[in-house]
């Protein structure tokens, strides 16, 4: 039974593996351009499985930022994973003990959360282990390949390949921004604030810039686009 669930998780994780393999290639290039070695870049991907958090973290490292700045930036960027974990906890099989929950929490990324949430019924520990394993291998392997390539490729080519990570971010935000005014507003506010800080307040480091933009944008959008607790017909949402 465990083997069948593990194999199912591996199978469902193949698309994530392929996507991570290509996208993390860009992170590997970005990491070596920021001064990290191939081994250090691989360690970042292995122990901090979050694309946005890794990109921000590498920027803070390159700028010589403090530990406090790094911690605050990671908490701000990755707070959404706590909400995903709370939501996914409602679908976990009864065999999910606390140690097993802690192991699975390592790999709760956007893509893994989406696939696990879409499964009919409950999900088992071994299903999550299989999907997390193959996804992590894809992310770390892509990082290693990108970092190695970035160390030997001409600057013109590595700079071009390095934009893949940012291409993934655009692919994430553009579709919902076209459908929801609140998302579009959040993108515009965050981008405008980031540009303003970069050009008008250059003494603010990149890490604190991310923190400020994230918190202020969330607060403004919460005020401008509050979510109703009830549907228009008065029925409470499930």
C-alpha atoms as a PDB file:
ATOM      1  CA  UNK A   1       0.000   0.000   0.000  1.00  0.00           C
ATOM      2  CA  UNK A   2       2.782   2.444   0.930  1.00  0.00           C
ATOM      3  CA  UNK A   3       4.666   1.634  -2.262  1.00  0.00           C
ATOM      4  CA  UNK A   4       1.564   2.224  -4.397  1.00  0.00           C
ATOM      5  CA  UNK A   5       0.898   5.585  -2.805  1.00  0.00           C
ATOM      6  CA  UNK A   6       4.568   6.569  -3.084  1.00  0.00           C
ATOM      7  CA  UNK A   7       4.604   5.652  -6.777  1.00  0.00           C
ATOM      8  CA  UNK A   8       1.409   7.630  -7.335  1.00  0.00           C
ATOM      9  CA  UNK A   9       3.019  10.652  -5.700  1.00  0.00           C
ATOM     10  CA  UNK A  10       6.104  10.263  -7.902  1.00  0.00           C
ATOM     11  CA  UNK A  11       3.923  10.060 -10.988  1.00  0.00           C
ATOM     12  CA  UNK A  12       1.869  13.119 -10.090  1.00  0.00           C
ATOM     13  CA  UNK A  13       5.080  15.004  -9.333  1.00  0.00           C
ATOM     14  CA  UNK A  14       6.639  14.485 -12.772  1.00  0.00           C
ATOM     15  CA  UNK A  15       5.120  17.684 -14.275  1.00  0.00           C
ATOM     16  CA  UNK A  16       6.376  19.623 -11.243  1.00  0.00           C
ATOM     17  CA  UNK A  17       9.813  18.022 -11.670  1.00  0.00           C
ATOM     18  CA  UNK A  18       9.989  19.154 -15.286  1.00  0.00           C
ATOM     19  CA  UNK A  19       8.827  22.664 -14.475  1.00  0.00           C
ATOM     20  CA  UNK A  20      11.211  23.026 -11.547  1.00  0.00           C
ATOM     21  CA  UNK A  21      14.109  21.646 -13.578  1.00  0.00           C
ATOM     22  CA  UNK A  22      13.819  24.433 -16.132  1.00  0.00           C
ATOM     23  CA  UNK A  23      12.938  27.305 -13.788  1.00  0.00           C
ATOM     24  CA  UNK A  24      15.586  26.539 -11.153  1.00  0.00           C
ATOM     25  CA  UNK A  25      18.170  26.614 -13.938  1.00  0.00           C
ATOM     26  CA  UNK A  26      17.647  30.373 -13.926  1.00  0.00           C
ATOM     27  CA  UNK A  27      18.065  30.513 -10.154  1.00  0.00           C
ATOM     28  CA  UNK A  28      21.358  28.634 -10.411  1.00  0.00           C
ATOM     29  CA  UNK A  29      22.681  31.230 -12.824  1.00  0.00           C
ATOM     30  CA  UNK A  30      21.436  34.049 -10.591  1.00  0.00           C
ATOM     31  CA  UNK A  31      23.114  32.473  -7.566  1.00  0.00           C
ATOM     32  CA  UNK A  32      26.591  32.193  -9.103  1.00  0.00           C
ATOM     33  CA  UNK A  33      26.294  35.715 -10.503  1.00  0.00           C
ATOM     34  CA  UNK A  34      25.642  36.860  -6.928  1.00  0.00           C
ATOM     35  CA  UNK A  35      28.837  35.231  -5.698  1.00  0.00           C
ATOM     36  CA  UNK A  36      27.674  31.788  -4.538  1.00  0.00           C
ATOM     37  CA  UNK A  37      29.436  28.578  -5.505  1.00  0.00           C
ATOM     38  CA  UNK A  38      27.661  25.683  -7.203  1.00  0.00           C
ATOM     39  CA  UNK A  39      27.565  23.786  -3.905  1.00  0.00           C
ATOM     40  CA  UNK A  40      26.191  26.790  -2.016  1.00  0.00           C
ATOM     41  CA  UNK A  41      23.511  27.363  -4.649  1.00  0.00           C
ATOM     42  CA  UNK A  42      22.476  23.700  -4.422  1.00  0.00           C
ATOM     43  CA  UNK A  43      22.328  23.941  -0.611  1.00  0.00           C
ATOM     44  CA  UNK A  44      20.059  26.990  -0.815  1.00  0.00           C
ATOM     45  CA  UNK A  45      17.666  25.111  -3.106  1.00  0.00           C
ATOM     46  CA  UNK A  46      17.730  22.008  -0.924  1.00  0.00           C
ATOM     47  CA  UNK A  47      17.149  23.684   2.432  1.00  0.00           C
ATOM     48  CA  UNK A  48      14.927  26.586   1.350  1.00  0.00           C
ATOM     49  CA  UNK A  49      12.467  25.242  -1.206  1.00  0.00           C
ATOM     50  CA  UNK A  50      10.885  28.537  -2.289  1.00  0.00           C
ATOM     51  CA  UNK A  51      11.674  30.335  -5.524  1.00  0.00           C
ATOM     52  CA  UNK A  52      10.725  33.847  -4.413  1.00  0.00           C
ATOM     53  CA  UNK A  53      12.393  33.383  -1.033  1.00  0.00           C
ATOM     54  CA  UNK A  54      15.557  32.084  -2.650  1.00  0.00           C
ATOM     55  CA  UNK A  55      15.734  34.945  -5.141  1.00  0.00           C
ATOM     56  CA  UNK A  56      15.280  37.500  -2.355  1.00  0.00           C
ATOM     57  CA  UNK A  57      17.740  35.655  -0.117  1.00  0.00           C
ATOM     58  CA  UNK A  58      20.458  35.613  -2.744  1.00  0.00           C
ATOM     59  CA  UNK A  59      19.958  39.337  -3.270  1.00  0.00           C
ATOM     60  CA  UNK A  60      20.370  39.955   0.458  1.00  0.00           C
ATOM     61  CA  UNK A  61      23.503  37.791   0.554  1.00  0.00           C
ATOM     62  CA  UNK A  62      25.000  39.619  -2.415  1.00  0.00           C
ATOM     63  CA  UNK A  63      24.276  42.976  -0.774  1.00  0.00           C
ATOM     64  CA  UNK A  64      25.817  41.873   2.527  1.00  0.00           C
ATOM     65  CA  UNK A  65      22.528  42.125   4.419  1.00  0.00           C
ATOM     66  CA  UNK A  66      22.057  41.177   8.053  1.00  0.00           C
ATOM     67  CA  UNK A  67      20.567  37.995   9.498  1.00  0.00           C
ATOM     68  CA  UNK A  68      17.623  40.019  10.801  1.00  0.00           C
ATOM     69  CA  UNK A  69      16.931  41.322   7.320  1.00  0.00           C
ATOM     70  CA  UNK A  70      17.116  37.810   5.904  1.00  0.00           C
ATOM     71  CA  UNK A  71      14.745  36.359   8.520  1.00  0.00           C
ATOM     72  CA  UNK A  72      12.161  39.132   8.124  1.00  0.00           C
ATOM     73  CA  UNK A  73      12.266  38.867   4.331  1.00  0.00           C
ATOM     74  CA  UNK A  74      11.797  35.087   4.380  1.00  0.00           C
ATOM     75  CA  UNK A  75       8.920  35.282   6.864  1.00  0.00           C
ATOM     76  CA  UNK A  76       7.163  37.953   4.799  1.00  0.00           C
ATOM     77  CA  UNK A  77       7.607  36.129   1.488  1.00  0.00           C
ATOM     78  CA  UNK A  78       6.877  32.610   2.727  1.00  0.00           C
ATOM     79  CA  UNK A  79       4.035  33.290   5.150  1.00  0.00           C
ATOM     80  CA  UNK A  80       1.567  32.016   2.558  1.00  0.00           C
ATOM     81  CA  UNK A  81       2.915  28.490   2.978  1.00  0.00           C
ATOM     82  CA  UNK A  82       1.576  28.441   6.532  1.00  0.00           C
ATOM     83  CA  UNK A  83      -1.896  29.181   5.178  1.00  0.00           C
ATOM     84  CA  UNK A  84      -1.513  26.473   2.530  1.00  0.00           C
ATOM     85  CA  UNK A  85      -0.459  23.985   5.196  1.00  0.00           C
ATOM     86  CA  UNK A  86      -3.477  24.820   7.349  1.00  0.00           C
ATOM     87  CA  UNK A  87      -5.766  24.296   4.374  1.00  0.00           C
ATOM     88  CA  UNK A  88      -4.091  21.058   3.323  1.00  0.00           C
ATOM     89  CA  UNK A  89      -4.253  19.680   6.871  1.00  0.00           C
ATOM     90  CA  UNK A  90      -7.983  19.103   6.315  1.00  0.00           C
ATOM     91  CA  UNK A  91      -7.195  16.504   3.629  1.00  0.00           C
ATOM     92  CA  UNK A  92      -4.521  14.519   5.472  1.00  0.00           C
ATOM     93  CA  UNK A  93      -4.985  10.836   6.208  1.00  0.00           C
ATOM     94  CA  UNK A  94      -5.251   9.798   9.864  1.00  0.00           C
ATOM     95  CA  UNK A  95      -1.846   8.114   9.598  1.00  0.00           C
ATOM     96  CA  UNK A  96      -0.235  11.579   9.442  1.00  0.00           C
ATOM     97  CA  UNK A  97       1.495  11.728  12.815  1.00  0.00           C
ATOM     98  CA  UNK A  98       3.252  14.912  13.965  1.00  0.00           C
ATOM     99  CA  UNK A  99       6.687  13.795  12.680  1.00  0.00           C
ATOM    100  CA  UNK A 100       5.133  12.926   9.324  1.00  0.00           C
ATOM    101  CA  UNK A 101       3.441  16.323   9.172  1.00  0.00           C
ATOM    102  CA  UNK A 102       6.768  17.998   9.828  1.00  0.00           C
ATOM    103  CA  UNK A 103       8.410  16.024   7.016  1.00  0.00           C
ATOM    104  CA  UNK A 104       5.615  16.888   4.578  1.00  0.00           C
ATOM    105  CA  UNK A 105       5.705  20.556   5.580  1.00  0.00           C
ATOM    106  CA  UNK A 106       9.176  20.801   4.068  1.00  0.00           C
ATOM    107  CA  UNK A 107       7.757  20.443   0.565  1.00  0.00           C
ATOM    108  CA  UNK A 108       4.541  22.492   0.669  1.00  0.00           C
ATOM    109  CA  UNK A 109       5.103  24.655  -2.401  1.00  0.00           C
ATOM    110  CA  UNK A 110       2.429  26.303  -4.555  1.00  0.00           C
ATOM    111  CA  UNK A 111       2.447  23.499  -7.105  1.00  0.00           C
ATOM    112  CA  UNK A 112       2.526  20.615  -4.625  1.00  0.00           C
ATOM    113  CA  UNK A 113      -0.251  22.226  -2.600  1.00  0.00           C
ATOM    114  CA  UNK A 114      -2.402  22.616  -5.719  1.00  0.00           C
ATOM    115  CA  UNK A 115      -1.962  18.991  -6.801  1.00  0.00           C
ATOM    116  CA  UNK A 116      -2.506  17.558  -3.325  1.00  0.00           C
ATOM    117  CA  UNK A 117      -5.590  19.715  -2.756  1.00  0.00           C
ATOM    118  CA  UNK A 118      -7.111  18.544  -6.032  1.00  0.00           C
ATOM    119  CA  UNK A 119      -6.907  14.864  -5.059  1.00  0.00           C
ATOM    120  CA  UNK A 120     -10.228  13.165  -4.297  1.00  0.00           C
ATOM    121  CA  UNK A 121     -10.510  12.138  -0.680  1.00  0.00           C
ATOM    122  CA  UNK A 122      -7.570  12.224   1.712  1.00  0.00           C
ATOM    123  CA  UNK A 123      -3.850  12.144   0.910  1.00  0.00           C
ATOM    124  CA  UNK A 124      -1.437   9.769   2.616  1.00  0.00           C
ATOM    125  CA  UNK A 125       2.077  10.452   3.916  1.00  0.00           C
ATOM    126  CA  UNK A 126       3.709   8.283   1.273  1.00  0.00           C
ATOM    127  CA  UNK A 127       1.857  10.054  -1.522  1.00  0.00           C
ATOM    128  CA  UNK A 128       3.198  13.374  -0.262  1.00  0.00           C
ATOM    129  CA  UNK A 129       6.692  11.930   0.167  1.00  0.00           C
ATOM    130  CA  UNK A 130       6.765  10.727  -3.436  1.00  0.00           C
ATOM    131  CA  UNK A 131       5.600  14.022  -4.891  1.00  0.00           C
ATOM    132  CA  UNK A 132       7.896  16.091  -2.669  1.00  0.00           C
ATOM    133  CA  UNK A 133      10.911  13.899  -3.427  1.00  0.00           C
ATOM    134  CA  UNK A 134      10.724  14.098  -7.211  1.00  0.00           C
ATOM    135  CA  UNK A 135       9.881  17.808  -7.118  1.00  0.00           C
ATOM    136  CA  UNK A 136      12.842  18.562  -4.848  1.00  0.00           C
ATOM    137  CA  UNK A 137      15.177  16.551  -7.072  1.00  0.00           C
ATOM    138  CA  UNK A 138      14.043  18.595 -10.075  1.00  0.00           C
ATOM    139  CA  UNK A 139      14.564  21.900  -8.259  1.00  0.00           C
ATOM    140  CA  UNK A 140      18.017  21.031  -6.882  1.00  0.00           C
ATOM    141  CA  UNK A 141      19.184  19.388 -10.107  1.00  0.00           C
ATOM    142  CA  UNK A 142      18.120  22.396 -12.166  1.00  0.00           C
ATOM    143  CA  UNK A 143      19.922  24.684  -9.733  1.00  0.00           C
ATOM    144  CA  UNK A 144      23.141  22.672 -10.022  1.00  0.00           C
ATOM    145  CA  UNK A 145      22.979  22.634 -13.809  1.00  0.00           C
ATOM    146  CA  UNK A 146      22.248  26.357 -13.950  1.00  0.00           C
ATOM    147  CA  UNK A 147      24.989  27.222 -11.475  1.00  0.00           C
ATOM    148  CA  UNK A 148      27.509  25.077 -13.354  1.00  0.00           C
ATOM    149  CA  UNK A 149      26.484  26.616 -16.676  1.00  0.00           C
ATOM    150  CA  UNK A 150      26.618  30.114 -15.234  1.00  0.00           C
ATOM    151  CA  UNK A 151      30.206  29.498 -14.173  1.00  0.00           C
ATOM    152  CA  UNK A 152      31.408  28.691 -17.680  1.00  0.00           C
ATOM    153  CA  UNK A 153      29.010  30.351 -20.136  1.00  0.00           C
ATOM    154  CA  UNK A 154      29.728  33.803 -21.586  1.00  0.00           C
ATOM    155  CA  UNK A 155      28.093  36.655 -19.681  1.00  0.00           C
ATOM    156  CA  UNK A 156      25.721  37.466 -22.562  1.00  0.00           C
ATOM    157  CA  UNK A 157      24.257  33.955 -22.568  1.00  0.00           C
ATOM    158  CA  UNK A 158      24.079  33.542 -18.792  1.00  0.00           C
ATOM    159  CA  UNK A 159      22.346  36.915 -18.460  1.00  0.00           C
ATOM    160  CA  UNK A 160      19.732  35.829 -21.011  1.00  0.00           C
ATOM    161  CA  UNK A 161      19.117  32.483 -19.293  1.00  0.00           C
ATOM    162  CA  UNK A 162      19.003  34.146 -15.886  1.00  0.00           C
ATOM    163  CA  UNK A 163      15.649  35.788 -16.619  1.00  0.00           C
ATOM    164  CA  UNK A 164      13.827  32.419 -16.583  1.00  0.00           C
ATOM    165  CA  UNK A 165      13.114  32.692 -12.865  1.00  0.00           C
ATOM    166  CA  UNK A 166      11.498  36.091 -13.360  1.00  0.00           C
ATOM    167  CA  UNK A 167       9.564  34.654 -16.306  1.00  0.00           C
ATOM    168  CA  UNK A 168       8.020  32.139 -13.901  1.00  0.00           C
ATOM    169  CA  UNK A 169       6.971  34.952 -11.557  1.00  0.00           C
ATOM    170  CA  UNK A 170       5.310  36.770 -14.462  1.00  0.00           C
ATOM    171  CA  UNK A 171       3.537  33.581 -15.506  1.00  0.00           C
ATOM    172  CA  UNK A 172       2.150  33.295 -11.973  1.00  0.00           C
ATOM    173  CA  UNK A 173       0.878  36.866 -11.576  1.00  0.00           C
ATOM    174  CA  UNK A 174      -0.313  37.845 -15.075  1.00  0.00           C
ATOM    175  CA  UNK A 175      -3.236  35.397 -15.570  1.00  0.00           C
ATOM    176  CA  UNK A 176      -4.951  36.242 -12.242  1.00  0.00           C
ATOM    177  CA  UNK A 177      -4.137  39.939 -12.723  1.00  0.00           C
ATOM    178  CA  UNK A 178      -6.142  39.894 -15.958  1.00  0.00           C
ATOM    179  CA  UNK A 179      -9.159  38.431 -14.164  1.00  0.00           C
ATOM    180  CA  UNK A 180      -9.107  40.126 -10.762  1.00  0.00           C
ATOM    181  CA  UNK A 181      -8.792  43.870 -10.229  1.00  0.00           C
ATOM    182  CA  UNK A 182      -7.478  43.273  -6.737  1.00  0.00           C
ATOM    183  CA  UNK A 183      -4.542  41.213  -8.023  1.00  0.00           C
ATOM    184  CA  UNK A 184      -3.782  43.774 -10.731  1.00  0.00           C
ATOM    185  CA  UNK A 185      -3.844  46.543  -8.130  1.00  0.00           C
ATOM    186  CA  UNK A 186      -1.496  44.575  -5.887  1.00  0.00           C
ATOM    187  CA  UNK A 187       0.963  44.066  -8.750  1.00  0.00           C
ATOM    188  CA  UNK A 188       0.905  47.746  -9.725  1.00  0.00           C
ATOM    189  CA  UNK A 189       1.251  49.001  -6.139  1.00  0.00           C
ATOM    190  CA  UNK A 190       4.104  46.622  -5.336  1.00  0.00           C
ATOM    191  CA  UNK A 191       5.936  47.410  -8.579  1.00  0.00           C
ATOM    192  CA  UNK A 192       5.519  51.168  -8.120  1.00  0.00           C
ATOM    193  CA  UNK A 193       6.729  51.009  -4.519  1.00  0.00           C
ATOM    194  CA  UNK A 194       9.709  48.866  -5.470  1.00  0.00           C
ATOM    195  CA  UNK A 195      10.752  51.296  -8.202  1.00  0.00           C
ATOM    196  CA  UNK A 196      10.214  54.264  -5.887  1.00  0.00           C
ATOM    197  CA  UNK A 197      12.383  52.769  -3.159  1.00  0.00           C
ATOM    198  CA  UNK A 198      15.088  51.790  -5.637  1.00  0.00           C
ATOM    199  CA  UNK A 199      15.397  55.238  -7.204  1.00  0.00           C
ATOM    200  CA  UNK A 200      14.343  57.581  -4.382  1.00  0.00           C
ATOM    201  CA  UNK A 201      15.502  55.686  -1.290  1.00  0.00           C
ATOM    202  CA  UNK A 202      18.640  53.830  -2.421  1.00  0.00           C
ATOM    203  CA  UNK A 203      19.865  53.513   1.180  1.00  0.00           C
ATOM    204  CA  UNK A 204      17.134  50.906   1.815  1.00  0.00           C
ATOM    205  CA  UNK A 205      18.483  47.424   1.118  1.00  0.00           C
ATOM    206  CA  UNK A 206      16.804  44.980  -1.242  1.00  0.00           C
ATOM    207  CA  UNK A 207      15.668  42.743   1.608  1.00  0.00           C
ATOM    208  CA  UNK A 208      13.909  45.495   3.543  1.00  0.00           C
ATOM    209  CA  UNK A 209      12.486  46.776   0.267  1.00  0.00           C
ATOM    210  CA  UNK A 210      10.763  43.412  -0.246  1.00  0.00           C
ATOM    211  CA  UNK A 211       9.445  43.487   3.329  1.00  0.00           C
ATOM    212  CA  UNK A 212       8.098  47.047   3.025  1.00  0.00           C
ATOM    213  CA  UNK A 213       6.512  46.464  -0.379  1.00  0.00           C
ATOM    214  CA  UNK A 214       4.876  43.223   0.719  1.00  0.00           C
ATOM    215  CA  UNK A 215       3.398  44.532   3.959  1.00  0.00           C
ATOM    216  CA  UNK A 216       2.220  47.887   2.573  1.00  0.00           C
ATOM    217  CA  UNK A 217       0.720  46.318  -0.558  1.00  0.00           C
ATOM    218  CA  UNK A 218      -1.150  43.709   1.489  1.00  0.00           C
ATOM    219  CA  UNK A 219      -2.495  46.382   3.849  1.00  0.00           C
ATOM    220  CA  UNK A 220      -3.613  48.707   1.049  1.00  0.00           C
ATOM    221  CA  UNK A 221      -5.327  45.930  -0.916  1.00  0.00           C
ATOM    222  CA  UNK A 222      -7.037  44.648   2.229  1.00  0.00           C
ATOM    223  CA  UNK A 223      -8.551  48.110   2.676  1.00  0.00           C
ATOM    224  CA  UNK A 224      -9.432  48.621  -0.986  1.00  0.00           C
ATOM    225  CA  UNK A 225     -10.705  45.112  -1.720  1.00  0.00           C
ATOM    226  CA  UNK A 226     -12.154  43.582   1.462  1.00  0.00           C
ATOM    227  CA  UNK A 227     -13.455  40.032   1.165  1.00  0.00           C
ATOM    228  CA  UNK A 228     -17.103  39.543   2.135  1.00  0.00           C
ATOM    229  CA  UNK A 229     -17.818  36.827   4.676  1.00  0.00           C
ATOM    230  CA  UNK A 230     -21.071  36.040   2.919  1.00  0.00           C
ATOM    231  CA  UNK A 231     -22.164  35.480  -0.644  1.00  0.00           C
ATOM    232  CA  UNK A 232     -24.431  38.118  -2.258  1.00  0.00           C
ATOM    233  CA  UNK A 233     -27.480  35.922  -1.571  1.00  0.00           C
ATOM    234  CA  UNK A 234     -26.635  35.838   2.127  1.00  0.00           C
ATOM    235  CA  UNK A 235     -25.371  32.252   2.276  1.00  0.00           C
ATOM    236  CA  UNK A 236     -22.155  31.709   4.136  1.00  0.00           C
ATOM    237  CA  UNK A 237     -19.331  30.381   2.000  1.00  0.00           C
ATOM    238  CA  UNK A 238     -18.313  26.783   2.716  1.00  0.00           C
END
